[in-house]
Amino acid sequence: MKKAVLIFTLVLGVSLFSQAQINPHALGLRFGGDGSTNGAELSYQHGMGDANRLEFDLGFRGYKHYRNMFISGVYQWDWNIKGGWNWYIGPGAILGFYNWDDKITSSRGLNIGLGGQIGIEYDFNKSGAPIIVSLDTRPMFDFIGYNNGFGWGAALGIRYTW
């Protein structure tokens, strides 16, 4: 256990001084979930210098009795691990609208949540292809809405960069 903590500390220390080269723009899809907001998202990232960016996602989820549409925003710090590998972390918020109707109960309303995002990505721009593939989690605490409380899930992102 002590070795794992030491290795984690060294990797974190080195990565804090090795900033990733942020792409000015990235547009694509994010599949997976954030607790109460699982589904597909249209995702846009806007670079803000060499190591910071904003990510905005417009998501949809639905099945037989439930529909949800939401927008999320996350401010991210991005660090290079090695080559095209980067990791990122940052705070965020989510605003959503839901509709529940199962013929017995019916409700509509607003979801509001705060949380963050942490993930890892591979930037294929280093290999000549304008693509980023990421795997992340976005833990959120919903203050208002159908699923009040803490939720999180993993998501796979694929984005085109320019």
Protein backbone atom coordinates (compact mmCIF):
# COMPACT_ATOMS: atom_id res chain seq x y z
CA MET A 1 0.00 0.00 0.00
CA LYS A 2 2.86 2.38 0.82
CA LYS A 3 4.36 1.77 -2.64
CA ALA A 4 1.04 2.57 -4.32
CA VAL A 5 0.73 5.85 -2.40
CA LEU A 6 4.33 6.77 -3.26
CA ILE A 7 3.84 6.00 -6.97
CA PHE A 8 0.57 7.98 -7.05
CA THR A 9 2.26 10.95 -5.34
CA LEU A 10 5.19 10.90 -7.79
CA VAL A 11 2.91 10.67 -10.84
CA LEU A 12 0.74 13.49 -9.50
CA GLY A 13 3.78 15.66 -8.74
CA VAL A 14 5.32 15.18 -12.18
CA SER A 15 2.01 15.71 -13.96
CA LEU A 16 1.36 18.97 -12.14
CA PHE A 17 4.42 20.44 -13.83
CA SER A 18 3.75 18.93 -17.24
CA GLN A 19 0.85 20.74 -18.85
CA ALA A 20 -1.01 19.26 -21.79
CA GLN A 21 -1.34 21.16 -25.04
CA ILE A 22 -5.07 21.94 -25.17
CA ASN A 23 -6.84 21.88 -28.53
CA PRO A 24 -8.66 25.17 -29.28
CA HIS A 25 -11.94 23.36 -30.07
CA ALA A 26 -13.32 19.83 -29.84
CA LEU A 27 -16.82 18.65 -30.81
CA GLY A 28 -18.24 15.17 -30.47
CA LEU A 29 -20.27 12.74 -28.41
CA ARG A 30 -20.10 11.51 -24.83
CA PHE A 31 -21.82 8.19 -24.04
CA GLY A 32 -22.50 6.94 -20.54
CA GLY A 33 -23.74 8.64 -17.50
CA ASP A 34 -23.73 10.90 -14.53
CA GLY A 35 -26.09 9.20 -12.13
CA SER A 36 -29.47 10.65 -12.95
CA THR A 37 -28.33 11.87 -16.36
CA ASN A 38 -27.27 8.72 -18.21
CA GLY A 39 -27.51 8.64 -21.99
CA ALA A 40 -25.88 10.41 -24.91
CA GLU A 41 -24.49 13.94 -24.94
CA LEU A 42 -23.42 16.35 -27.63
CA SER A 43 -20.11 17.61 -26.24
CA TYR A 44 -18.09 20.77 -26.97
CA GLN A 45 -14.72 21.69 -25.45
CA HIS A 46 -13.25 25.20 -25.69
CA GLY A 47 -9.55 25.61 -24.94
CA MET A 48 -8.52 28.46 -22.64
CA GLY A 49 -4.74 28.46 -22.88
CA ASP A 50 -2.28 25.60 -22.63
CA ALA A 51 -3.78 23.71 -19.68
CA ASN A 52 -7.39 24.83 -19.13
CA ARG A 53 -10.65 24.39 -20.99
CA LEU A 54 -14.41 24.57 -20.66
CA GLU A 55 -16.61 21.62 -21.55
CA PHE A 56 -20.32 22.00 -22.33
CA ASP A 57 -22.58 19.01 -22.89
CA LEU A 58 -26.18 18.82 -24.05
CA GLY A 59 -27.62 15.45 -23.11
CA PHE A 60 -30.71 13.35 -23.64
CA ARG A 61 -32.01 10.29 -21.90
CA GLY A 62 -35.24 8.46 -22.14
CA TYR A 63 -37.05 5.21 -21.90
CA LYS A 64 -40.65 4.07 -21.65
CA HIS A 65 -41.77 6.30 -18.76
CA TYR A 66 -38.95 8.82 -18.31
CA ARG A 67 -37.47 11.63 -20.42
CA ASN A 68 -34.62 13.91 -19.44
CA MET A 69 -32.78 16.74 -21.22
CA PHE A 70 -29.88 18.53 -19.55
CA ILE A 71 -26.93 20.84 -20.06
CA SER A 72 -23.74 20.56 -18.07
CA GLY A 73 -20.69 22.76 -17.82
CA VAL A 74 -17.27 21.85 -16.41
CA TYR A 75 -14.07 23.88 -16.02
CA GLN A 76 -11.10 21.54 -16.52
CA TRP A 77 -7.40 21.58 -15.75
CA ASP A 78 -5.56 19.26 -18.14
CA TRP A 79 -2.10 17.68 -17.62
CA ASN A 80 0.04 15.56 -19.89
CA ILE A 81 1.04 12.09 -18.67
CA LYS A 82 3.17 11.05 -21.64
CA GLY A 83 2.85 11.45 -25.40
CA GLY A 84 -0.84 11.81 -26.29
CA TRP A 85 -2.06 10.69 -22.84
CA ASN A 86 -3.57 13.42 -20.64
CA TRP A 87 -5.63 13.49 -17.47
CA TYR A 88 -8.03 16.20 -16.36
CA ILE A 89 -10.12 17.31 -13.40
CA GLY A 90 -12.44 20.19 -12.59
CA PRO A 91 -15.63 21.52 -10.99
CA GLY A 92 -18.96 21.63 -12.77
CA ALA A 93 -22.72 22.05 -12.65
CA ILE A 94 -25.75 20.57 -14.36
CA LEU A 95 -29.22 21.87 -15.20
CA GLY A 96 -31.87 19.51 -16.49
CA PHE A 97 -35.56 19.06 -17.20
CA TYR A 98 -37.36 15.77 -16.67
CA ASN A 99 -40.77 14.23 -17.37
CA TRP A 100 -41.97 11.07 -15.58
CA ASP A 101 -45.25 9.41 -16.59
CA ASP A 102 -45.99 5.74 -15.90
CA LYS A 103 -49.82 6.03 -16.06
CA ILE A 104 -49.93 5.83 -12.23
CA THR A 105 -47.86 8.87 -11.31
CA SER A 106 -46.82 11.82 -13.39
CA SER A 107 -44.33 14.59 -12.65
CA ARG A 108 -42.28 17.18 -14.46
CA GLY A 109 -39.58 19.35 -13.11
CA LEU A 110 -36.11 20.76 -12.93
CA ASN A 111 -32.83 19.11 -11.90
CA ILE A 112 -29.98 21.24 -10.52
CA GLY A 113 -26.69 19.69 -9.46
CA LEU A 114 -23.10 20.54 -8.54
CA GLY A 115 -20.03 18.33 -8.69
CA GLY A 116 -16.98 17.74 -10.80
CA GLN A 117 -15.31 15.63 -13.43
CA ILE A 118 -12.13 13.56 -13.57
CA GLY A 119 -10.86 11.57 -16.51
CA ILE A 120 -8.15 10.38 -18.84
CA GLU A 121 -7.88 10.98 -22.58
CA TYR A 122 -5.76 10.11 -25.57
CA ASP A 123 -5.14 12.92 -28.06
CA PHE A 124 -4.58 11.39 -31.51
CA ASN A 125 -3.39 14.80 -32.80
CA LYS A 126 0.08 13.65 -31.71
CA SER A 127 -0.30 10.89 -34.34
CA GLY A 128 -1.74 13.18 -37.03
CA ALA A 129 -5.47 12.45 -36.54
CA PRO A 130 -7.75 15.24 -35.19
CA ILE A 131 -9.51 13.00 -32.64
CA ILE A 132 -9.62 12.81 -28.83
CA VAL A 133 -10.97 9.73 -27.02
CA SER A 134 -11.70 10.04 -23.31
CA LEU A 135 -12.98 8.02 -20.36
CA ASP A 136 -14.22 9.96 -17.34
CA THR A 137 -16.59 10.16 -14.43
CA ARG A 138 -18.69 13.13 -13.37
CA PRO A 139 -19.94 12.78 -9.78
CA MET A 140 -22.82 15.20 -9.15
CA PHE A 141 -25.03 16.00 -6.20
CA ASP A 142 -28.56 16.91 -7.33
CA PHE A 143 -30.10 19.50 -5.02
CA ILE A 144 -33.42 19.73 -6.84
CA GLY A 145 -35.13 17.19 -9.03
CA TYR A 146 -36.43 13.70 -9.47
CA ASN A 147 -33.22 11.98 -8.28
CA ASN A 148 -32.13 14.17 -5.34
CA GLY A 149 -28.79 13.17 -3.88
CA PHE A 150 -25.44 11.90 -5.08
CA GLY A 151 -25.01 10.20 -8.47
CA TRP A 152 -22.15 9.32 -10.79
CA GLY A 153 -21.21 7.06 -13.66
CA ALA A 154 -18.55 6.50 -16.30
CA ALA A 155 -18.66 7.93 -19.82
CA LEU A 156 -16.77 7.44 -23.08
CA GLY A 157 -16.15 10.55 -25.17
CA ILE A 158 -15.14 10.80 -28.84
CA ARG A 159 -14.45 14.29 -30.20
CA TYR A 160 -13.15 15.87 -33.41
CA THR A 161 -10.61 18.66 -32.83
CA TRP A 162 -9.72 21.76 -34.83
